[in-house]
Amino acid sequence: MFLKSNDFNPIFTLECGQCFRWLKEAEQYVGVVNGAIISITDLGQDYDIKIEKALSPISDDFLRHYFDESSNYNKILEVLSEKDDYLKASISAYRGLRLLNQDPFETLITFIISANNNIPKIKMSVEALSHKFGTCIGEYNGRLYYSFPTVEALAEAELEDLKVKGMGYRAKAVSLAAKRIRDEQIDLASYREDTYEAAQTALMQFYGVGEKVADCILLFSLNHKEAFPIDTWVKRMLRTFYNIEDQPRAYKTFVAQYFTEYGGYAQQFLFYYMRESKKGINGEK
């Protein structure tokens, strides 16, 4: 399948912090999605997305959903660009950034791992967890790839065995989440049908899931595009760009009233814009 490059940019989409199983290899991005090895190659005018190997059937329609093909980005970004100069500049600079529709269980576990963590360490832990408890899909470009572990595999694992590289104290939350989903037969996908508030409350019943992590899960896997994850970086962005008072209620009130149903899109563009601007100013890589 193909995605037009002016509508989709893998660098912006896959390196903005919403997913952790994609790697840049030469001129390709290679990742694991739903038990399949997926490669993305830049053809100049568009990106060729191929299914390399799969443990279970995966279709072009599934990938179109994963890459959010059905959303009208022209309309969404036009509405946001008209709000203020910061949004206009961030969308102009990083057009092609998309919100992925990821697996809810994988997103729950990976964002539990993300708490008080950085992206390289999160990726390290997620890969170590997959190697230990997932299933080998096969080899591609000299590297072995593994599926993300199932609920059952993580629920049955001993706590000490879950303490893979970089996991540390987060292993307890991972274990409890998997056990609760198994024991209570929770269908995370059903939260897509709930209101944003009800789904957020339900997710926060999991040990280790606060508002920020819940909002990441809602935004990146459960189609609640109004979710606006707020961490230290985002608070700084809101204070810098919008002069918001440094109070939890002030942040939440402003976000809900100003960005409305497109909050998640706005958050990703503004966050990426501020992060990359800081790198440019400080000479970071």
Protein backbone atom coordinates (compact mmCIF):
# COMPACT_ATOMS: atom_id res chain seq x y z
CA MET A 1 0.00 0.00 0.00
CA PHE A 2 1.06 3.63 -0.47
CA LEU A 3 0.62 6.81 1.54
CA LYS A 4 1.21 10.21 -0.04
CA SER A 5 4.22 11.94 1.50
CA ASN A 6 2.47 15.31 1.87
CA ASP A 7 -0.22 13.63 3.98
CA PHE A 8 2.04 11.28 5.95
CA ASN A 9 5.54 11.72 7.30
CA PRO A 10 7.02 8.70 9.12
CA ILE A 11 9.69 10.75 10.91
CA PHE A 12 7.15 13.04 12.54
CA THR A 13 4.61 10.27 13.14
CA LEU A 14 6.91 7.56 14.47
CA GLU A 15 9.32 9.71 16.46
CA CYS A 16 6.93 12.05 18.27
CA GLY A 17 6.63 9.78 21.32
CA GLN A 18 3.32 8.04 20.64
CA CYS A 19 4.79 4.61 19.76
CA PHE A 20 7.86 2.60 20.73
CA ARG A 21 8.32 -0.31 18.32
CA TRP A 22 9.61 1.43 15.21
CA LEU A 23 13.30 1.61 14.26
CA LYS A 24 15.06 3.65 11.57
CA GLU A 25 17.20 1.34 9.44
CA ALA A 26 19.03 3.05 6.56
CA GLU A 27 16.27 4.39 4.27
CA GLN A 28 13.50 2.48 6.00
CA TYR A 29 11.43 2.46 9.14
CA VAL A 30 10.76 -1.06 10.38
CA GLY A 31 8.27 -1.87 13.12
CA VAL A 32 6.04 -4.54 14.59
CA VAL A 33 2.28 -4.05 14.31
CA ASN A 34 -0.24 -6.71 15.36
CA GLY A 35 2.28 -9.52 15.08
CA ALA A 36 3.61 -8.40 11.69
CA ILE A 37 6.90 -6.85 10.60
CA ILE A 38 6.06 -3.68 8.66
CA SER A 39 8.54 -1.68 6.60
CA ILE A 40 8.13 1.87 5.31
CA THR A 41 10.28 3.02 2.39
CA ASP A 42 10.51 6.57 1.00
CA LEU A 43 9.86 6.47 -2.75
CA GLY A 44 10.20 10.22 -3.20
CA GLN A 45 6.58 11.19 -3.85
CA ASP A 46 5.03 8.74 -1.42
CA TYR A 47 5.84 6.02 1.11
CA ASP A 48 5.58 2.32 0.32
CA ILE A 49 4.29 0.35 3.31
CA LYS A 50 4.88 -3.40 3.12
CA ILE A 51 4.00 -6.37 5.28
CA GLU A 52 7.24 -8.34 5.48
CA LYS A 53 6.33 -11.23 7.81
CA ALA A 54 3.30 -11.93 9.98
CA LEU A 55 2.22 -14.37 12.67
CA SER A 56 -1.44 -13.76 11.86
CA PRO A 57 -3.30 -12.24 8.88
CA ILE A 58 -2.95 -8.47 8.56
CA SER A 59 -4.59 -6.55 5.74
CA ASP A 60 -4.15 -3.24 3.97
CA ASP A 61 -7.44 -2.15 5.58
CA PHE A 62 -5.97 -2.86 9.03
CA LEU A 63 -2.90 -0.77 8.21
CA ARG A 64 -5.03 2.05 6.81
CA HIS A 65 -6.81 2.16 10.16
CA TYR A 66 -3.50 1.94 12.06
CA PHE A 67 -2.13 4.90 10.09
CA ASP A 68 -5.40 6.84 10.54
CA GLU A 69 -6.22 7.09 6.84
CA SER A 70 -9.91 7.80 7.47
CA SER A 71 -9.39 11.06 9.38
CA ASN A 72 -9.76 14.25 7.36
CA TYR A 73 -6.43 15.87 8.20
CA ASN A 74 -6.96 18.74 5.77
CA LYS A 75 -10.06 19.81 7.69
CA ILE A 76 -8.61 19.15 11.16
CA LEU A 77 -5.38 21.03 10.50
CA GLU A 78 -7.17 23.91 8.78
CA VAL A 79 -9.40 24.40 11.84
CA LEU A 80 -6.42 24.27 14.22
CA SER A 81 -4.22 26.52 12.07
CA GLU A 82 -6.82 29.29 12.28
CA LYS A 83 -6.73 29.30 16.09
CA ASP A 84 -3.35 30.94 16.66
CA ASP A 85 0.15 31.48 15.26
CA TYR A 86 1.76 28.71 17.35
CA LEU A 87 -0.56 26.08 15.95
CA LYS A 88 -0.18 27.49 12.45
CA ALA A 89 3.62 27.37 12.68
CA SER A 90 3.72 23.87 14.21
CA ILE A 91 1.35 22.43 11.60
CA SER A 92 3.27 24.11 8.78
CA ALA A 93 6.56 22.70 10.07
CA TYR A 94 5.35 19.16 10.84
CA ARG A 95 2.52 18.48 8.45
CA GLY A 96 2.44 14.75 7.89
CA LEU A 97 2.35 13.90 11.59
CA ARG A 98 -0.53 11.51 12.22
CA LEU A 99 -2.12 9.99 15.29
CA LEU A 100 -1.78 6.21 15.14
CA ASN A 101 -4.57 3.80 16.11
CA GLN A 102 -2.61 1.27 18.16
CA ASP A 103 -3.57 -1.87 20.05
CA PRO A 104 -5.12 -0.88 23.42
CA PHE A 105 -3.35 -3.53 25.52
CA GLU A 106 0.07 -2.81 24.03
CA THR A 107 -0.54 0.92 24.49
CA LEU A 108 -1.60 0.44 28.12
CA ILE A 109 1.54 -1.55 28.94
CA THR A 110 3.98 0.64 27.01
CA PHE A 111 2.67 3.83 28.58
CA ILE A 112 2.80 2.29 32.05
CA ILE A 113 6.47 1.67 31.22
CA SER A 114 6.78 5.29 30.02
CA ALA A 115 6.13 6.75 33.51
CA ASN A 116 9.11 8.87 34.61
CA ASN A 117 11.10 7.47 31.70
CA ASN A 118 12.65 8.55 28.40
CA ILE A 119 12.04 7.21 24.90
CA PRO A 120 15.30 5.21 24.44
CA LYS A 121 14.79 3.43 27.77
CA ILE A 122 11.10 2.81 27.06
CA LYS A 123 11.99 1.23 23.71
CA MET A 124 14.67 -0.88 25.39
CA SER A 125 12.21 -2.21 27.98
CA VAL A 126 9.46 -2.85 25.43
CA GLU A 127 11.82 -4.79 23.16
CA ALA A 128 13.23 -6.79 26.07
CA LEU A 129 9.69 -7.64 27.21
CA SER A 130 8.75 -8.70 23.67
CA HIS A 131 11.86 -10.85 23.24
CA LYS A 132 11.21 -12.61 26.54
CA PHE A 133 7.43 -13.05 26.46
CA GLY A 134 6.42 -12.53 22.82
CA THR A 135 6.68 -14.89 19.85
CA CYS A 136 9.42 -14.70 17.24
CA ILE A 137 7.95 -13.45 13.95
CA GLY A 138 11.11 -13.93 11.92
CA GLU A 139 14.26 -12.22 10.69
CA TYR A 140 14.38 -9.07 8.58
CA ASN A 141 17.56 -7.27 7.54
CA GLY A 142 19.57 -9.45 9.93
CA ARG A 143 17.44 -8.68 12.98
CA LEU A 144 14.95 -10.92 14.77
CA TYR A 145 11.55 -9.41 15.49
CA TYR A 146 9.08 -10.49 18.16
CA SER A 147 5.36 -9.90 18.68
CA PHE A 148 4.21 -7.91 21.69
CA PRO A 149 3.30 -10.27 24.57
CA THR A 150 -0.29 -11.36 25.05
CA VAL A 151 -2.33 -10.60 28.14
CA GLU A 152 -1.97 -14.22 29.21
CA ALA A 153 1.81 -14.26 28.82
CA LEU A 154 2.28 -11.21 31.05
CA ALA A 155 -0.40 -12.25 33.54
CA GLU A 156 1.24 -15.64 34.07
CA ALA A 157 4.79 -14.30 34.33
CA GLU A 158 6.54 -14.10 37.69
CA LEU A 159 7.12 -10.56 38.89
CA GLU A 160 10.90 -11.00 38.96
CA ASP A 161 10.86 -12.25 35.37
CA LEU A 162 9.09 -9.08 34.26
CA LYS A 163 11.99 -6.95 35.51
CA VAL A 164 13.69 -6.80 32.12
CA LYS A 165 16.16 -4.09 31.10
CA GLY A 166 15.03 -0.69 32.34
CA MET A 167 11.74 -1.94 33.76
CA GLY A 168 12.50 -1.57 37.48
CA TYR A 169 9.55 -0.78 39.73
CA ARG A 170 7.18 -0.56 36.73
CA ALA A 171 7.11 -4.37 36.55
CA LYS A 172 4.54 -4.43 39.37
CA ALA A 173 2.12 -2.21 37.45
CA VAL A 174 2.60 -4.26 34.27
CA SER A 175 1.90 -7.49 36.17
CA LEU A 176 -1.18 -6.14 37.94
CA ALA A 177 -2.63 -4.69 34.73
CA ALA A 178 -2.30 -7.97 32.83
CA LYS A 179 -3.70 -10.00 35.73
CA ARG A 180 -6.67 -7.67 36.17
CA ILE A 181 -7.55 -7.76 32.46
CA ARG A 182 -7.34 -11.57 32.47
CA ASP A 183 -9.19 -12.12 35.73
CA GLU A 184 -11.94 -9.57 35.13
CA GLN A 185 -12.12 -10.25 31.38
CA ILE A 186 -11.82 -6.54 30.63
CA ASP A 187 -12.24 -5.52 26.99
CA LEU A 188 -10.16 -2.37 26.66
CA ALA A 189 -11.50 -1.76 23.16
CA SER A 190 -14.98 -1.23 24.66
CA TYR A 191 -13.74 2.05 26.13
CA ARG A 192 -13.95 3.50 22.61
CA GLU A 193 -17.72 3.53 23.04
CA ASP A 194 -17.61 5.29 26.42
CA THR A 195 -17.49 9.02 26.95
CA TYR A 196 -14.01 10.47 27.33
CA GLU A 197 -14.57 11.06 31.05
CA ALA A 198 -15.89 7.55 31.70
CA ALA A 199 -13.07 5.91 29.74
CA GLN A 200 -10.43 8.00 31.53
CA THR A 201 -11.90 7.07 34.93
CA ALA A 202 -11.92 3.37 33.98
CA LEU A 203 -8.28 3.42 32.88
CA MET A 204 -7.21 5.19 36.06
CA GLN A 205 -8.44 2.19 38.04
CA PHE A 206 -5.32 0.37 36.84
CA TYR A 207 -2.39 0.53 39.24
CA GLY A 208 0.24 2.90 37.87
CA VAL A 209 -2.12 4.77 35.51
CA GLY A 210 -2.64 8.44 36.26
CA GLU A 211 -4.33 11.12 34.15
CA LYS A 212 -1.43 11.61 31.75
CA VAL A 213 -0.93 7.92 31.00
CA ALA A 214 -4.71 7.40 30.72
CA ASP A 215 -4.93 10.24 28.20
CA CYS A 216 -2.08 8.74 26.13
CA ILE A 217 -3.93 5.42 25.98
CA LEU A 218 -7.19 7.16 25.07
CA LEU A 219 -5.54 9.23 22.34
CA PHE A 220 -3.25 6.65 20.75
CA SER A 221 -5.45 3.56 20.86
CA LEU A 222 -9.06 4.29 21.81
CA ASN A 223 -10.07 7.04 19.37
CA HIS A 224 -10.69 9.72 22.00
CA LYS A 225 -9.07 12.50 19.97
CA GLU A 226 -10.04 15.14 22.52
CA ALA A 227 -7.60 13.62 25.03
CA PHE A 228 -4.71 16.01 25.73
CA PRO A 229 -1.94 14.31 27.74
CA ILE A 230 -0.34 16.81 30.11
CA ASP A 231 3.14 16.24 31.52
CA THR A 232 5.91 18.60 32.60
CA TRP A 233 6.84 19.40 28.99
CA VAL A 234 3.26 20.12 27.99
CA LYS A 235 2.71 22.32 31.02
CA ARG A 236 5.78 24.30 30.03
CA MET A 237 4.45 24.59 26.48
CA LEU A 238 1.04 25.80 27.68
CA ARG A 239 2.65 28.39 29.97
CA THR A 240 5.05 29.56 27.26
CA PHE A 241 2.63 29.71 24.34
CA TYR A 242 -0.66 30.55 26.09
CA ASN A 243 0.34 32.11 29.41
CA ILE A 244 -1.65 29.55 31.40
CA GLU A 245 -1.47 29.72 35.19
CA ASP A 246 0.58 26.88 36.69
CA GLN A 247 -2.39 25.10 38.28
CA PRO A 248 -3.81 21.67 37.32
CA ARG A 249 -7.36 22.98 36.98
CA ALA A 250 -6.19 25.91 34.82
CA TYR A 251 -4.46 23.58 32.35
CA LYS A 252 -7.44 21.24 32.06
CA THR A 253 -9.99 24.03 31.74
CA PHE A 254 -8.04 25.84 29.03
CA VAL A 255 -7.40 22.68 27.01
CA ALA A 256 -11.04 21.55 27.10
CA GLN A 257 -12.41 24.97 26.14
CA TYR A 258 -9.81 26.02 23.58
CA PHE A 259 -8.87 22.88 21.63
CA THR A 260 -12.21 21.02 22.06
CA GLU A 261 -12.58 17.83 19.99
CA TYR A 262 -9.20 18.26 18.26
CA GLY A 263 -7.18 18.48 21.46
CA GLY A 264 -5.08 15.41 20.77
CA TYR A 265 -3.99 16.63 17.35
CA ALA A 266 -3.11 20.05 18.76
CA GLN A 267 -1.13 18.51 21.61
CA GLN A 268 1.02 16.41 19.29
CA PHE A 269 1.87 19.24 16.91
CA LEU A 270 2.57 21.78 19.66
CA PHE A 271 4.59 19.31 21.75
CA TYR A 272 6.69 18.24 18.75
CA TYR A 273 7.17 21.87 17.69
CA MET A 274 8.40 22.93 21.12
CA ARG A 275 10.59 19.84 21.54
CA GLU A 276 12.30 20.26 18.16
CA SER A 277 12.67 24.01 18.68
CA LYS A 278 14.44 23.34 21.98
CA LYS A 279 16.78 20.90 20.24
CA GLY A 280 17.63 23.53 17.67
CA ILE A 281 18.30 26.16 20.30
CA ASN A 282 20.40 23.86 22.52
CA GLY A 283 22.09 21.90 19.74
CA GLU A 284 20.59 18.61 20.93
CA LYS A 285 20.32 15.56 18.72
